PDB file of N, CA and C in Angstrom:
ATOM      1  N   MET A   1      59.797 317.953  85.945  1.00  0.00           N
ATOM      2  CA  MET A   1      58.579 318.754  85.918  1.00  0.00           C
ATOM      3  C   MET A   1      58.637 319.749  87.071  1.00  0.00           C
ATOM      4  N   LEU A   2      58.006 320.887  86.855  1.00  0.00           N
ATOM      5  CA  LEU A   2      57.966 321.934  87.864  1.00  0.00           C
ATOM      6  C   LEU A   2      56.818 321.707  88.851  1.00  0.00           C
ATOM      7  N   LEU A   3      57.033 322.128  90.077  1.00  0.00           N
ATOM      8  CA  LEU A   3      56.024 321.960  91.117  1.00  0.00           C
ATOM      9  C   LEU A   3      54.705 322.624  90.734  1.00  0.00           C
ATOM     10  N   ASN A   4      54.755 323.846  90.187  1.00  0.00           N
ATOM     11  CA  ASN A   4      53.507 324.519  89.835  1.00  0.00           C
ATOM     12  C   ASN A   4      52.752 323.770  88.740  1.00  0.00           C
ATOM     13  N   GLU A   5      53.466 323.059  87.867  1.00  0.00           N
ATOM     14  CA  GLU A   5      52.799 322.243  86.849  1.00  0.00           C
ATOM     15  C   GLU A   5      52.080 321.055  87.488  1.00  0.00           C
ATOM     16  N   LEU A   6      52.728 320.440  88.478  1.00  0.00           N
ATOM     17  CA  LEU A   6      52.092 319.314  89.170  1.00  0.00           C
ATOM     18  C   LEU A   6      50.854 319.758  89.937  1.00  0.00           C
ATOM     19  N   ILE A   7      50.957 320.888  90.607  1.00  0.00           N
ATOM     20  CA  ILE A   7      49.814 321.408  91.359  1.00  0.00           C
ATOM     21  C   ILE A   7      48.656 321.679  90.415  1.00  0.00           C
ATOM     22  N   SER A   8      48.946 322.318  89.303  1.00  0.00           N
ATOM     23  CA  SER A   8      47.915 322.617  88.308  1.00  0.00           C
ATOM     24  C   SER A   8      47.283 321.339  87.775  1.00  0.00           C
ATOM     25  N   GLU A   9      48.106 320.369  87.444  1.00  0.00           N
ATOM     26  CA  GLU A   9      47.612 319.087  86.915  1.00  0.00           C
ATOM     27  C   GLU A   9      46.723 318.379  87.933  1.00  0.00           C
ATOM     28  N   LYS A  10      47.153 318.365  89.179  1.00  0.00           N
ATOM     29  CA  LYS A  10      46.393 317.699  90.236  1.00  0.00           C
ATOM     30  C   LYS A  10      45.060 318.406  90.484  1.00  0.00           C
ATOM     31  N   LEU A  11      45.072 319.734  90.498  1.00  0.00           N
ATOM     32  CA  LEU A  11      43.833 320.479  90.696  1.00  0.00           C
ATOM     33  C   LEU A  11      42.839 320.191  89.576  1.00  0.00           C
ATOM     34  N   GLU A  12      43.324 320.153  88.352  1.00  0.00           N
ATOM     35  CA  GLU A  12      42.437 319.879  87.214  1.00  0.00           C
ATOM     36  C   GLU A  12      41.883 318.449  87.281  1.00  0.00           C
ATOM     37  N   THR A  13      42.697 317.507  87.689  1.00  0.00           N
ATOM     38  CA  THR A  13      42.236 316.124  87.835  1.00  0.00           C
ATOM     39  C   THR A  13      41.116 316.044  88.863  1.00  0.00           C
ATOM     40  N   LEU A  14      41.329 316.677  90.005  1.00  0.00           N
ATOM     41  CA  LEU A  14      40.314 316.672  91.062  1.00  0.00           C
ATOM     42  C   LEU A  14      39.036 317.373  90.612  1.00  0.00           C
ATOM     43  N   ARG A  15      39.181 318.501  89.927  1.00  0.00           N
ATOM     44  CA  ARG A  15      38.010 319.238  89.444  1.00  0.00           C
ATOM     45  C   ARG A  15      37.173 318.371  88.509  1.00  0.00           C
ATOM     46  N   LYS A  16      37.845 317.690  87.602  1.00  0.00           N
ATOM     47  CA  LYS A  16      37.140 316.844  86.635  1.00  0.00           C
ATOM     48  C   LYS A  16      36.531 315.618  87.304  1.00  0.00           C
ATOM     49  N   GLU A  17      37.240 315.027  88.268  1.00  0.00           N
ATOM     50  CA  GLU A  17      36.694 313.874  88.997  1.00  0.00           C
ATOM     51  C   GLU A  17      35.406 314.238  89.724  1.00  0.00           C
ATOM     52  N   ARG A  18      35.321 315.472  90.167  1.00  0.00           N
ATOM     53  CA  ARG A  18      34.141 315.920  90.909  1.00  0.00           C
ATOM     54  C   ARG A  18      33.086 316.544  89.986  1.00  0.00           C
ATOM     55  N   HIS A  19      33.350 316.483  88.703  1.00  0.00           N
ATOM     56  CA  HIS A  19      32.412 316.987  87.688  1.00  0.00           C
ATOM     57  C   HIS A  19      32.037 318.438  87.942  1.00  0.00           C
ATOM     58  N   LEU A  20      33.045 319.235  88.278  1.00  0.00           N
ATOM     59  CA  LEU A  20      32.838 320.663  88.503  1.00  0.00           C
ATOM     60  C   LEU A  20      33.339 321.435  87.291  1.00  0.00           C
ATOM     61  N   GLY A  21      32.533 322.320  86.794  1.00  0.00           N
ATOM     62  CA  GLY A  21      32.993 323.209  85.741  1.00  0.00           C
ATOM     63  C   GLY A  21      33.931 324.249  86.327  1.00  0.00           C
ATOM     64  N   VAL A  22      34.716 324.834  85.466  1.00  0.00           N
ATOM     65  CA  VAL A  22      35.666 325.850  85.914  1.00  0.00           C
ATOM     66  C   VAL A  22      34.927 327.020  86.560  1.00  0.00           C
ATOM     67  N   TYR A  23      33.860 327.478  85.934  1.00  0.00           N
ATOM     68  CA  TYR A  23      33.125 328.617  86.481  1.00  0.00           C
ATOM     69  C   TYR A  23      32.469 328.267  87.818  1.00  0.00           C
ATOM     70  N   THR A  24      31.999 327.058  87.957  1.00  0.00           N
ATOM     71  CA  THR A  24      31.409 326.630  89.232  1.00  0.00           C
ATOM     72  C   THR A  24      32.468 326.621  90.323  1.00  0.00           C
ATOM     73  N   LEU A  25      33.632 326.059  90.015  1.00  0.00           N
ATOM     74  CA  LEU A  25      34.733 326.032  90.985  1.00  0.00           C
ATOM     75  C   LEU A  25      35.111 327.451  91.385  1.00  0.00           C
ATOM     76  N   CYS A  26      35.268 328.317  90.409  1.00  0.00           N
ATOM     77  CA  CYS A  26      35.644 329.703  90.697  1.00  0.00           C
ATOM     78  C   CYS A  26      34.590 330.396  91.553  1.00  0.00           C
ATOM     79  N   ASN A  27      33.340 330.169  91.238  1.00  0.00           N
ATOM     80  CA  ASN A  27      32.248 330.773  91.998  1.00  0.00           C
ATOM     81  C   ASN A  27      32.276 330.299  93.448  1.00  0.00           C
ATOM     82  N   ARG A  28      32.415 329.005  93.648  1.00  0.00           N
ATOM     83  CA  ARG A  28      32.434 328.455  95.011  1.00  0.00           C
ATOM     84  C   ARG A  28      33.668 328.890  95.796  1.00  0.00           C
ATOM     85  N   ALA A  29      34.764 329.142  95.079  1.00  0.00           N
ATOM     86  CA  ALA A  29      36.008 329.574  95.730  1.00  0.00           C
ATOM     87  C   ALA A  29      36.096 331.095  95.845  1.00  0.00           C
ATOM     88  N   ALA A  30      35.076 331.800  95.324  1.00  0.00           N
ATOM     89  CA  ALA A  30      35.094 333.269  95.295  1.00  0.00           C
ATOM     90  C   ALA A  30      36.392 333.763  94.654  1.00  0.00           C
ATOM     91  N   MET A  31      36.682 333.187  93.506  1.00  0.00           N
ATOM     92  CA  MET A  31      37.923 333.463  92.796  1.00  0.00           C
ATOM     93  C   MET A  31      37.568 333.849  91.359  1.00  0.00           C
ATOM     94  N   SER A  32      38.328 334.736  90.802  1.00  0.00           N
ATOM     95  CA  SER A  32      38.062 335.112  89.421  1.00  0.00           C
ATOM     96  C   SER A  32      38.462 333.980  88.475  1.00  0.00           C
ATOM     97  N   TYR A  33      37.771 333.935  87.362  1.00  0.00           N
ATOM     98  CA  TYR A  33      38.100 332.951  86.330  1.00  0.00           C
ATOM     99  C   TYR A  33      39.544 333.157  85.861  1.00  0.00           C
ATOM    100  N   GLU A  34      39.961 334.397  85.733  1.00  0.00           N
ATOM    101  CA  GLU A  34      41.321 334.702  85.266  1.00  0.00           C
ATOM    102  C   GLU A  34      42.379 334.146  86.221  1.00  0.00           C
ATOM    103  N   THR A  35      42.116 334.214  87.503  1.00  0.00           N
ATOM    104  CA  THR A  35      43.074 333.667  88.478  1.00  0.00           C
ATOM    105  C   THR A  35      43.211 332.168  88.308  1.00  0.00           C
ATOM    106  N   TYR A  36      42.088 331.485  88.212  1.00  0.00           N
ATOM    107  CA  TYR A  36      42.158 330.030  88.054  1.00  0.00           C
ATOM    108  C   TYR A  36      42.757 329.658  86.694  1.00  0.00           C
ATOM    109  N   ARG A  37      42.419 330.417  85.670  1.00  0.00           N
ATOM    110  CA  ARG A  37      42.973 330.132  84.354  1.00  0.00           C
ATOM    111  C   ARG A  37      44.486 330.270  84.355  1.00  0.00           C
ATOM    112  N   SER A  38      45.006 331.247  85.069  1.00  0.00           N
ATOM    113  CA  SER A  38      46.460 331.409  85.137  1.00  0.00           C
ATOM    114  C   SER A  38      47.110 330.237  85.866  1.00  0.00           C
ATOM    115  N   ILE A  39      46.402 329.669  86.838  1.00  0.00           N
ATOM    116  CA  ILE A  39      46.907 328.478  87.526  1.00  0.00           C
ATOM    117  C   ILE A  39      46.880 327.288  86.573  1.00  0.00           C
ATOM    118  N   ARG A  40      45.763 327.108  85.882  1.00  0.00           N
ATOM    119  CA  ARG A  40      45.610 325.985  84.945  1.00  0.00           C
ATOM    120  C   ARG A  40      46.639 326.007  83.832  1.00  0.00           C
ATOM    121  N   ARG A  41      46.938 327.182  83.367  1.00  0.00           N
ATOM    122  CA  ARG A  41      47.849 327.312  82.218  1.00  0.00           C
ATOM    123  C   ARG A  41      49.291 327.600  82.632  1.00  0.00           C
ATOM    124  N   ASN A  42      49.559 327.530  83.926  1.00  0.00           N
ATOM    125  CA  ASN A  42      50.902 327.769  84.449  1.00  0.00           C
ATOM    126  C   ASN A  42      51.453 329.123  84.033  1.00  0.00           C
ATOM    127  N   LYS A  43      50.586 330.113  83.986  1.00  0.00           N
ATOM    128  CA  LYS A  43      50.999 331.464  83.625  1.00  0.00           C
ATOM    129  C   LYS A  43      51.566 332.218  84.825  1.00  0.00           C
ATOM    130  N   ASN A  44      51.221 331.750  86.002  1.00  0.00           N
ATOM    131  CA  ASN A  44      51.716 332.417  87.200  1.00  0.00           C
ATOM    132  C   ASN A  44      53.035 331.782  87.637  1.00  0.00           C
ATOM    133  N   LYS A  45      53.853 332.573  88.295  1.00  0.00           N
ATOM    134  CA  LYS A  45      55.120 332.035  88.768  1.00  0.00           C
ATOM    135  C   LYS A  45      54.963 331.253  90.054  1.00  0.00           C
ATOM    136  N   ASP A  46      53.887 331.510  90.751  1.00  0.00           N
ATOM    137  CA  ASP A  46      53.620 330.775  91.984  1.00  0.00           C
ATOM    138  C   ASP A  46      52.128 330.809  92.268  1.00  0.00           C
ATOM    139  N   ILE A  47      51.744 330.029  93.239  1.00  0.00           N
ATOM    140  CA  ILE A  47      50.352 330.027  93.688  1.00  0.00           C
ATOM    141  C   ILE A  47      50.388 330.288  95.190  1.00  0.00           C
ATOM    142  N   TYR A  48      49.594 331.225  95.611  1.00  0.00           N
ATOM    143  CA  TYR A  48      49.547 331.534  97.038  1.00  0.00           C
ATOM    144  C   TYR A  48      48.979 330.347  97.801  1.00  0.00           C
ATOM    145  N   LEU A  49      49.549 330.106  98.954  1.00  0.00           N
ATOM    146  CA  LEU A  49      49.087 329.012  99.798  1.00  0.00           C
ATOM    147  C   LEU A  49      47.606 329.191 100.128  1.00  0.00           C
ATOM    148  N   ARG A  50      47.198 330.400 100.421  1.00  0.00           N
ATOM    149  CA  ARG A  50      45.800 330.675 100.739  1.00  0.00           C
ATOM    150  C   ARG A  50      44.897 330.280  99.572  1.00  0.00           C
ATOM    151  N   THR A  51      45.300 330.615  98.353  1.00  0.00           N
ATOM    152  CA  THR A  51      44.528 330.263  97.165  1.00  0.00           C
ATOM    153  C   THR A  51      44.418 328.758  97.014  1.00  0.00           C
ATOM    154  N   LEU A  52      45.527 328.070  97.196  1.00  0.00           N
ATOM    155  CA  LEU A  52      45.510 326.612  97.094  1.00  0.00           C
ATOM    156  C   LEU A  52      44.601 326.003  98.153  1.00  0.00           C
ATOM    157  N   LEU A  53      44.684 326.493  99.373  1.00  0.00           N
ATOM    158  CA  LEU A  53      43.846 325.951 100.448  1.00  0.00           C
ATOM    159  C   LEU A  53      42.362 326.203 100.195  1.00  0.00           C
ATOM    160  N   ILE A  54      42.028 327.341  99.634  1.00  0.00           N
ATOM    161  CA  ILE A  54      40.630 327.624  99.281  1.00  0.00           C
ATOM    162  C   ILE A  54      40.154 326.633  98.229  1.00  0.00           C
ATOM    163  N   LEU A  55      40.962 326.423  97.200  1.00  0.00           N
ATOM    164  CA  LEU A  55      40.590 325.477  96.147  1.00  0.00           C
ATOM    165  C   LEU A  55      40.440 324.061  96.705  1.00  0.00           C
ATOM    166  N   LEU A  56      41.344 323.670  97.571  1.00  0.00           N
ATOM    167  CA  LEU A  56      41.256 322.329  98.165  1.00  0.00           C
ATOM    168  C   LEU A  56      40.000 322.186  99.014  1.00  0.00           C
ATOM    169  N   ARG A  57      39.640 323.228  99.718  1.00  0.00           N
ATOM    170  CA  ARG A  57      38.418 323.180 100.534  1.00  0.00           C
ATOM    171  C   ARG A  57      37.197 323.000  99.641  1.00  0.00           C
ATOM    172  N   VAL A  58      37.141 323.743  98.542  1.00  0.00           N
ATOM    173  CA  VAL A  58      36.019 323.611  97.606  1.00  0.00           C
ATOM    174  C   VAL A  58      35.994 322.215  96.994  1.00  0.00           C
ATOM    175  N   LEU A  59      37.160 321.660  96.725  1.00  0.00           N
ATOM    176  CA  LEU A  59      37.259 320.318  96.138  1.00  0.00           C
ATOM    177  C   LEU A  59      37.118 319.214  97.188  1.00  0.00           C
ATOM    178  N   ASN A  60      36.982 319.616  98.457  1.00  0.00           N
ATOM    179  CA  ASN A  60      36.827 318.677  99.567  1.00  0.00           C
ATOM    180  C   ASN A  60      38.007 317.708  99.675  1.00  0.00           C
ATOM    181  N   VAL A  61      39.214 318.287  99.631  1.00  0.00           N
ATOM    182  CA  VAL A  61      40.448 317.510  99.725  1.00  0.00           C
ATOM    183  C   VAL A  61      41.343 318.186 100.758  1.00  0.00           C
ATOM    184  N   SER A  62      41.895 317.408 101.651  1.00  0.00           N
ATOM    185  CA  SER A  62      42.810 317.974 102.634  1.00  0.00           C
ATOM    186  C   SER A  62      44.185 318.195 101.985  1.00  0.00           C
ATOM    187  N   PRO A  63      44.952 319.132 102.519  1.00  0.00           N
ATOM    188  CA  PRO A  63      46.309 319.322 101.995  1.00  0.00           C
ATOM    189  C   PRO A  63      47.143 318.038 102.082  1.00  0.00           C
ATOM    190  N   GLN A  64      46.941 317.278 103.162  1.00  0.00           N
ATOM    191  CA  GLN A  64      47.672 316.018 103.313  1.00  0.00           C
ATOM    192  C   GLN A  64      47.335 315.058 102.187  1.00  0.00           C
ATOM    193  N   GLU A  65      46.057 314.943 101.887  1.00  0.00           N
ATOM    194  CA  GLU A  65      45.630 314.055 100.813  1.00  0.00           C
ATOM    195  C   GLU A  65      46.163 314.538  99.466  1.00  0.00           C
ATOM    196  N   PHE A  66      46.094 315.841  99.244  1.00  0.00           N
ATOM    197  CA  PHE A  66      46.547 316.417  97.981  1.00  0.00           C
ATOM    198  C   PHE A  66      48.021 316.112  97.737  1.00  0.00           C
ATOM    199  N   PHE A  67      48.856 316.380  98.732  1.00  0.00           N
ATOM    200  CA  PHE A  67      50.302 316.224  98.554  1.00  0.00           C
ATOM    201  C   PHE A  67      50.802 314.805  98.805  1.00  0.00           C
ATOM    202  N   SER A  68      49.912 313.892  99.199  1.00  0.00           N
ATOM    203  CA  SER A  68      50.340 312.501  99.395  1.00  0.00           C
ATOM    204  C   SER A  68      50.419 311.745  98.069  1.00  0.00           C
ATOM    205  N   ASP A  69      49.973 312.376  96.994  1.00  0.00           N
ATOM    206  CA  ASP A  69      50.051 311.767  95.670  1.00  0.00           C
ATOM    207  C   ASP A  69      51.525 311.478  95.349  1.00  0.00           C
ATOM    208  N   PRO A  70      51.834 310.264  94.880  1.00  0.00           N
ATOM    209  CA  PRO A  70      53.219 309.906  94.573  1.00  0.00           C
ATOM    210  C   PRO A  70      53.887 310.816  93.545  1.00  0.00           C
ATOM    211  N   MET A  71      53.105 311.523  92.767  1.00  0.00           N
ATOM    212  CA  MET A  71      53.707 312.432  91.776  1.00  0.00           C
ATOM    213  C   MET A  71      54.547 313.517  92.440  1.00  0.00           C
ATOM    214  N   PHE A  72      54.264 313.832  93.700  1.00  0.00           N
ATOM    215  CA  PHE A  72      55.041 314.834  94.413  1.00  0.00           C
ATOM    216  C   PHE A  72      56.320 314.258  95.025  1.00  0.00           C
ATOM    217  N   ASP A  73      56.518 312.958  94.927  1.00  0.00           N
ATOM    218  CA  ASP A  73      57.707 312.306  95.473  1.00  0.00           C
ATOM    219  C   ASP A  73      58.845 312.174  94.466  1.00  0.00           C
ATOM    220  N   ASP A  74      58.616 312.599  93.253  1.00  0.00           N
ATOM    221  CA  ASP A  74      59.608 312.470  92.197  1.00  0.00           C
ATOM    222  C   ASP A  74      60.883 313.231  92.569  1.00  0.00           C
ATOM    223  N   PRO A  75      62.033 312.537  92.627  1.00  0.00           N
ATOM    224  CA  PRO A  75      63.275 313.219  92.984  1.00  0.00           C
ATOM    225  C   PRO A  75      63.699 314.264  91.942  1.00  0.00           C
ATOM    226  N   GLU A  76      63.140 314.171  90.767  1.00  0.00           N
ATOM    227  CA  GLU A  76      63.457 315.131  89.702  1.00  0.00           C
ATOM    228  C   GLU A  76      62.540 316.361  89.737  1.00  0.00           C
ATOM    229  N   LEU A  77      61.624 316.387  90.689  1.00  0.00           N
ATOM    230  CA  LEU A  77      60.688 317.493  90.792  1.00  0.00           C
ATOM    231  C   LEU A  77      61.448 318.791  91.041  1.00  0.00           C
ATOM    232  N   ASP A  78      61.214 319.752  90.184  1.00  0.00           N
ATOM    233  CA  ASP A  78      61.859 321.051  90.294  1.00  0.00           C
ATOM    234  C   ASP A  78      60.936 321.975  91.082  1.00  0.00           C
ATOM    235  N   ILE A  79      61.327 322.306  92.304  1.00  0.00           N
ATOM    236  CA  ILE A  79      60.463 323.131  93.148  1.00  0.00           C
ATOM    237  C   ILE A  79      60.657 324.613  92.896  1.00  0.00           C
ATOM    238  N   ASP A  80      61.569 324.939  92.004  1.00  0.00           N
ATOM    239  CA  ASP A  80      61.787 326.314  91.610  1.00  0.00           C
ATOM    240  C   ASP A  80      60.701 326.758  90.649  1.00  0.00           C
ATOM    241  N   PHE A  81      59.916 327.737  91.012  1.00  0.00           N
ATOM    242  CA  PHE A  81      58.874 328.238  90.116  1.00  0.00           C
ATOM    243  C   PHE A  81      59.542 329.109  89.063  1.00  0.00           C
ATOM    244  N   LYS A  82      59.241 328.829  87.828  1.00  0.00           N
ATOM    245  CA  LYS A  82      59.865 329.590  86.736  1.00  0.00           C
ATOM    246  C   LYS A  82      58.814 330.201  85.863  1.00  0.00           C
TER     247      LYS A  82
END
């Protein structure tokens, strides 16, 4: 699996756990719906660190907590964004 797919999957899991709608998340992150949709659908080749940190702040998750998920430890994880 690709890193950007894991990031997208994890963000969606957190969003749903917190019962936040996509538009609410985008509004709180001051981000366009199109930007978040491209992240959700893996349409972008990468995600800016600043964008990820903003989303994590809105989701009330630290970067350490986000990346401590065992899914990021997979030796088969492809960190090449395609």
